[in-house]
Protein backbone atom coordinates (compact mmCIF):
# COMPACT_ATOMS: atom_id res chain seq x y z
CA MET A 1 81.42 110.68 124.09
CA LYS A 2 78.44 108.55 124.72
CA LYS A 3 77.54 105.53 122.85
CA ILE A 4 74.25 103.65 122.07
CA PHE A 5 75.31 99.99 121.59
CA LEU A 6 73.24 97.88 118.92
CA VAL A 7 74.71 94.41 117.71
CA LEU A 8 78.14 95.21 116.75
CA PHE A 9 77.79 98.85 115.92
CA PHE A 10 78.12 102.04 117.87
CA PHE A 11 76.56 105.33 117.25
CA PRO A 12 77.72 108.59 118.72
CA LEU A 13 74.95 110.55 120.89
CA PHE A 14 75.74 114.32 119.76
CA ILE A 15 75.92 116.78 122.62
CA PHE A 16 77.06 120.35 121.85
CA GLY A 17 78.96 122.32 124.33
CA GLN A 18 82.29 123.23 125.63
CA GLU A 19 84.82 120.38 125.07
CA LEU A 20 87.21 120.07 128.17
CA ASN A 21 86.48 119.45 131.77
CA ALA A 22 90.12 120.54 132.98
CA THR A 23 91.60 120.29 136.33
CA VAL A 24 94.81 122.49 136.89
CA THR A 25 97.32 122.22 139.55
CA VAL A 26 100.41 124.38 140.20
CA ASN A 27 103.64 123.67 141.96
CA VAL A 28 105.74 126.74 142.70
CA ASP A 29 107.97 125.34 145.40
CA GLN A 30 111.29 126.05 143.36
CA LEU A 31 110.50 129.65 143.02
CA PRO A 32 111.31 132.57 145.31
CA SER A 33 108.69 133.72 147.53
CA GLN A 34 108.06 137.03 145.49
CA TYR A 35 107.13 134.93 142.34
CA LYS A 36 104.89 132.48 144.53
CA GLU A 37 102.81 135.82 145.51
CA LYS A 38 102.73 136.85 141.98
CA LEU A 39 101.03 133.49 140.66
CA ASN A 40 98.33 133.34 143.34
CA GLY A 41 95.13 132.64 141.38
CA PHE A 42 97.16 131.26 138.40
CA ALA A 43 95.72 127.74 138.65
CA GLN A 44 92.12 128.99 138.63
CA THR A 45 92.73 131.38 135.79
CA VAL A 46 93.98 128.77 133.55
CA GLN A 47 91.38 126.15 134.52
CA GLU A 48 88.82 128.82 133.57
CA TYR A 49 90.46 129.54 130.32
CA LEU A 50 90.57 125.87 129.30
CA ASN A 51 86.86 125.14 130.35
CA GLY A 52 85.47 128.24 129.25
CA ASN A 53 86.39 128.33 125.29
CA HIS A 54 85.10 126.58 122.39
CA TYR A 55 87.74 124.61 120.19
CA ALA A 56 85.32 122.60 117.91
CA VAL A 57 84.82 123.93 114.47
CA GLU A 58 81.03 123.13 114.33
CA GLY A 59 80.22 122.24 118.15
CA TRP A 60 81.26 119.62 120.01
CA GLU A 61 79.94 116.30 119.60
CA GLY A 62 80.39 114.41 122.74
CA ASP A 63 80.88 114.91 126.56
CA LYS A 64 83.37 116.88 127.92
CA ILE A 65 86.70 115.48 128.16
CA ASP A 66 88.23 114.77 131.49
CA CYS A 67 91.97 116.17 131.60
CA SER A 68 94.38 117.53 133.87
CA PHE A 69 97.17 120.01 133.53
CA ASN A 70 99.87 119.73 136.36
CA ILE A 71 102.11 122.54 136.08
CA PHE A 72 105.46 122.61 137.86
CA PHE A 73 107.25 126.26 137.67
CA LEU A 74 111.00 125.93 137.34
CA THR A 75 112.21 129.63 137.21
CA GLY A 76 110.82 133.11 137.51
CA SER A 77 112.75 136.32 136.12
CA GLY A 78 111.92 140.03 135.39
CA ASP A 79 108.66 139.91 137.47
CA VAL A 80 106.59 138.22 134.56
CA ASN A 81 108.70 135.75 132.74
CA TYR A 82 108.64 132.16 133.61
CA THR A 83 109.60 128.63 132.45
CA ALA A 84 107.71 125.48 133.67
CA GLN A 85 107.13 121.96 132.86
CA ALA A 86 103.83 120.48 132.56
CA VAL A 87 102.21 116.84 132.94
CA ILE A 88 99.13 116.80 130.75
CA THR A 89 96.65 113.72 130.87
CA SER A 90 93.13 113.00 129.44
CA THR A 91 90.90 110.11 129.86
CA ARG A 92 88.06 108.64 127.76
CA PRO A 93 85.14 106.54 129.17
CA ILE A 94 85.18 102.83 128.25
CA TYR A 95 81.62 102.01 126.85
CA ASN A 96 79.49 99.94 129.23
CA SER A 97 81.91 99.90 132.03
CA GLN A 98 82.75 102.27 135.12
CA LYS A 99 86.36 102.38 133.86
CA SER A 100 88.34 105.05 131.86
CA SER A 101 91.10 104.78 129.49
CA LEU A 102 94.11 107.18 129.80
CA MET A 103 94.48 108.59 126.27
CA LEU A 104 97.46 111.02 126.82
CA ASN A 105 100.04 111.35 129.42
CA ILE A 106 102.56 113.85 128.27
CA MET A 107 105.30 115.65 130.31
CA ASP A 108 106.42 118.83 128.56
CA ASP A 109 109.37 120.22 130.08
CA LYS A 110 110.04 123.17 127.43
CA TRP A 111 107.78 125.96 128.34
CA SER A 112 108.37 129.50 128.71
CA PHE A 113 105.87 132.42 128.72
CA SER A 114 105.10 135.59 130.44
CA TYR A 115 102.30 136.18 132.85
CA GLU A 116 101.09 139.06 135.06
CA GLN A 117 98.60 138.58 137.73
CA GLY A 118 95.11 139.72 136.58
CA GLN A 119 95.95 139.72 132.70
CA SER A 120 93.27 139.43 130.49
CA MET A 121 93.01 135.76 128.76
CA ASN A 122 91.31 136.48 125.47
CA PHE A 123 90.72 133.53 123.25
CA ASP A 124 92.55 133.96 119.76
CA LEU A 125 94.01 130.93 118.08
CA ASN A 126 95.18 133.05 115.36
CA THR A 127 97.82 135.07 117.45
CA PHE A 128 100.58 133.55 119.41
CA ASP A 129 101.24 133.88 123.09
CA GLY A 130 103.46 131.95 125.32
CA LEU A 131 101.02 131.13 127.89
CA LYS A 132 97.62 130.76 125.87
CA SER A 133 99.11 129.21 122.92
CA PHE A 134 100.58 126.24 125.06
CA LEU A 135 96.94 125.64 126.50
CA ASP A 136 95.48 125.99 123.26
CA PHE A 137 98.00 123.46 121.63
CA TYR A 138 97.23 120.89 124.21
CA ALA A 139 93.69 121.34 124.37
CA LEU A 140 93.57 121.02 120.55
CA VAL A 141 95.65 117.57 121.01
CA ILE A 142 93.43 116.40 123.51
CA ILE A 143 90.20 116.92 121.54
CA GLY A 144 92.06 115.60 118.50
CA VAL A 145 93.14 112.30 120.23
CA ASP A 146 89.74 111.93 121.78
CA ALA A 147 88.02 112.37 118.37
CA ASP A 148 90.38 109.89 116.73
CA SER A 149 89.07 107.27 118.95
CA TYR A 150 85.19 107.73 117.92
CA ASP A 151 85.93 108.36 114.13
CA PRO A 152 88.92 107.51 111.90
CA PHE A 153 90.91 110.91 111.16
CA GLY A 154 88.23 112.76 113.62
CA GLY A 155 91.09 114.66 114.99
CA SER A 156 92.79 115.83 111.96
CA PRO A 157 91.18 119.56 112.16
CA TYR A 158 92.54 120.00 115.40
CA PHE A 159 95.94 118.55 114.84
CA SER A 160 96.33 120.77 111.89
CA LYS A 161 95.35 123.92 113.98
CA ALA A 162 98.01 122.84 116.64
CA ILE A 163 100.52 122.53 113.93
CA GLU A 164 99.77 126.31 112.71
CA LEU A 165 100.08 127.21 116.65
CA SER A 166 103.55 125.47 116.77
CA VAL A 167 104.88 127.17 113.53
CA LEU A 168 103.67 130.78 115.17
CA GLY A 169 105.53 129.58 118.38
CA ALA A 170 108.76 128.70 116.30
CA SER A 171 109.13 132.25 114.91
CA SER A 172 108.34 133.91 118.33
CA THR A 173 110.47 134.90 121.04
CA LYS A 174 108.96 132.04 123.29
CA SER A 175 110.29 129.61 120.84
CA LYS A 176 111.49 127.00 123.19
CA GLY A 177 109.75 123.83 122.40
CA TRP A 178 107.82 124.84 119.41
CA PHE A 179 110.43 124.17 116.75
CA VAL A 180 111.39 120.66 115.53
CA GLN A 181 114.00 119.24 117.71
CA SER A 182 115.06 115.44 118.03
CA SER A 183 114.29 114.33 121.53
CA ALA A 184 111.81 111.43 123.22
CA TYR A 185 109.30 114.02 122.99
CA ASN A 186 108.72 117.24 121.19
CA ARG A 187 105.37 118.95 120.54
CA ARG A 188 106.19 120.07 117.22
CA VAL A 189 107.10 116.61 115.94
CA TYR A 190 104.30 115.07 117.76
CA VAL A 191 101.69 116.65 115.76
CA ASN A 192 103.63 116.66 112.47
CA ASP A 193 103.84 113.00 112.72
CA LEU A 194 100.17 112.53 113.60
CA MET A 195 99.52 114.01 110.16
CA ASP A 196 102.24 112.22 108.40
CA SER A 197 101.07 109.50 105.85
CA LYS A 198 103.62 106.96 107.52
CA LEU A 199 101.23 106.93 110.47
CA GLN A 200 97.80 106.81 108.97
CA GLN A 201 97.39 103.19 109.42
CA PHE A 202 98.29 103.83 113.15
CA ARG A 203 95.43 106.22 113.24
CA LYS A 204 93.00 103.81 111.76
CA ASP A 205 93.94 101.26 114.11
CA PHE A 206 93.78 103.83 117.00
CA PHE A 207 90.26 104.17 116.33
CA ASN A 208 89.68 100.51 115.77
CA TYR A 209 91.64 99.75 119.23
CA HIS A 210 89.01 101.98 120.94
CA TYR A 211 85.77 101.86 119.18
CA ASN A 212 85.61 98.20 118.04
CA GLY A 213 88.12 96.99 120.69
CA LEU A 214 88.17 98.42 124.19
CA ASP A 215 84.54 99.40 123.95
CA LEU A 216 83.71 95.90 123.42
CA LEU A 217 85.41 94.32 126.18
CA PHE A 218 82.74 94.96 128.72
CA SER A 219 79.70 94.27 126.60
CA GLY A 220 79.34 90.63 127.36
CA PRO A 221 81.58 87.54 126.99
CA LYS A 222 80.86 87.07 123.33
CA PHE A 223 82.22 90.40 122.21
CA LYS A 224 85.41 90.34 124.41
CA PRO A 225 87.23 88.13 121.98
CA ILE A 226 86.40 90.70 119.16
CA GLY A 227 87.44 93.25 121.16
CA GLN A 228 90.79 91.71 121.89
CA LYS A 229 91.54 91.04 118.31
CA ASN A 230 90.80 94.65 117.09
CA MET A 231 93.12 95.61 120.09
CA ALA A 232 95.72 93.27 119.01
CA LYS A 233 95.45 94.25 115.26
CA LEU A 234 97.29 97.85 116.10
CA ILE A 235 100.20 95.95 117.47
CA ILE A 236 100.51 93.61 114.76
CA ASP A 237 100.30 96.31 112.16
CA LEU A 238 102.98 98.29 114.16
CA TYR A 239 105.00 95.37 114.21
CA ASN A 240 104.84 94.70 110.45
CA ASN A 241 105.20 98.43 109.54
CA LYS A 242 108.69 98.80 108.08
CA MET A 243 108.40 102.49 107.37
CA ILE A 244 108.80 103.57 110.89
CA ASN A 245 110.92 102.71 113.68
CA PRO A 246 108.42 102.35 116.92
CA THR A 247 110.90 102.69 119.46
CA ARG A 248 111.92 106.24 118.12
CA ASN A 249 108.71 107.60 116.93
CA VAL A 250 107.24 110.58 119.20
CA VAL A 251 103.55 109.52 118.45
CA LEU A 252 104.19 106.06 119.44
CA ASN A 253 106.20 106.88 122.54
CA VAL A 254 103.34 109.10 123.69
CA PHE A 255 100.69 106.35 122.81
CA PHE A 256 102.47 103.46 124.78
CA ASN A 257 103.42 105.82 127.63
CA ALA A 258 99.48 106.11 128.19
CA LYS A 259 98.60 102.60 127.06
CA ALA A 260 101.08 100.05 128.00
CA GLY A 261 99.28 99.23 131.15
CA GLU A 262 95.99 98.90 129.68
CA ILE A 263 97.22 96.68 126.94
CA ALA A 264 98.85 94.30 129.33
CA GLU A 265 95.92 94.25 131.41
CA ASN A 266 93.29 93.50 128.72
CA LEU A 267 95.53 91.27 126.57
CA ALA A 268 96.67 89.00 129.27
CA ASP A 269 94.42 86.45 128.40
CA TYR A 270 94.73 86.74 124.78
CA PRO A 271 94.99 83.23 123.21
CA ASP A 272 97.89 84.23 120.77
CA LYS A 273 100.63 84.86 123.25
CA SER A 274 103.16 85.97 120.50
CA ILE A 275 101.44 89.42 120.73
CA PHE A 276 103.59 90.05 123.87
CA ASN A 277 106.71 89.16 122.05
CA LYS A 278 105.79 91.72 119.30
CA LEU A 279 104.97 94.31 122.06
CA ILE A 280 108.61 93.78 123.74
CA LYS A 281 109.85 94.23 120.15
CA ILE A 282 108.30 97.34 119.22
CA ASN A 283 107.94 98.83 122.85
CA PRO A 284 110.80 97.49 125.02
CA SER A 285 110.70 100.30 127.44
CA ASN A 286 107.42 98.64 129.03
CA SER A 287 108.90 95.00 128.58
CA ALA A 288 108.32 94.25 132.49
CA LYS A 289 104.76 95.31 132.18
CA TYR A 290 104.18 92.77 129.18
CA LEU A 291 106.21 89.85 130.94
CA LYS A 292 104.24 90.34 134.24
CA ALA A 293 101.10 90.06 132.10
CA VAL A 294 102.10 86.73 130.58
CA GLU A 295 103.45 85.33 133.91
CA LYS A 296 100.47 86.39 135.60
CA GLU A 297 98.21 84.66 133.05
CA ASN A 298 100.43 81.29 133.13
């Protein structure tokens, strides 16, 4: 989403169009040769589907979101049935710089669907399909997360629709990954938690982290301290939030999986070094990155 910068306030420049600029890659190395042949053209079909549909309720207010779907096929059976895992990433431009921010980096290994070469891919968010609904779910998540970074709770309509898809999926014959399950990542739990009241402060801080934090870092020396302070607020609020366990929360695991390196890099020279002690406490899996940032600055 483009911005016009004036004093300390940002204003979106509204552009209406399709929402995604998706790149799709496919790996079929684990499949027998007969299945590999049936999947010729699959990547192009999926890419055209993601880039050709409109997910926004009232038009898309922003530039197309750069994202990628890296699909690894695991098994094939019955000519048309497949299991796969996918790595889904998306990025967002950082205002006044040539850099981009990694917004999502999710590995989903519980995907089962049917696909027949040349089948039609009609867009319908109200009907469940193992292939299309998975793509729709992540398209909605990508757009929702992006929208949250420009407008507090701007992603809620997309997360709500993603929840509806997951409910349909849980009652389908392709229910793997759609029902609530305790694990490091579960797509149903992820969108449910995004809409949970316990994480509403996090979502406010998520907006502030990007819009009034990250986007200020490259707007001149006088703005950098303000930007860093707004980024640090997210960490401080998580540290002080006794209602959630940051190390076990799916939303926060996804957040830090994408953001740990960015946080370490951009807060390395933050005056209050205790911010890294808090980071290590709430996100111990990335302790090495935080310790390296501190050592580098010292």
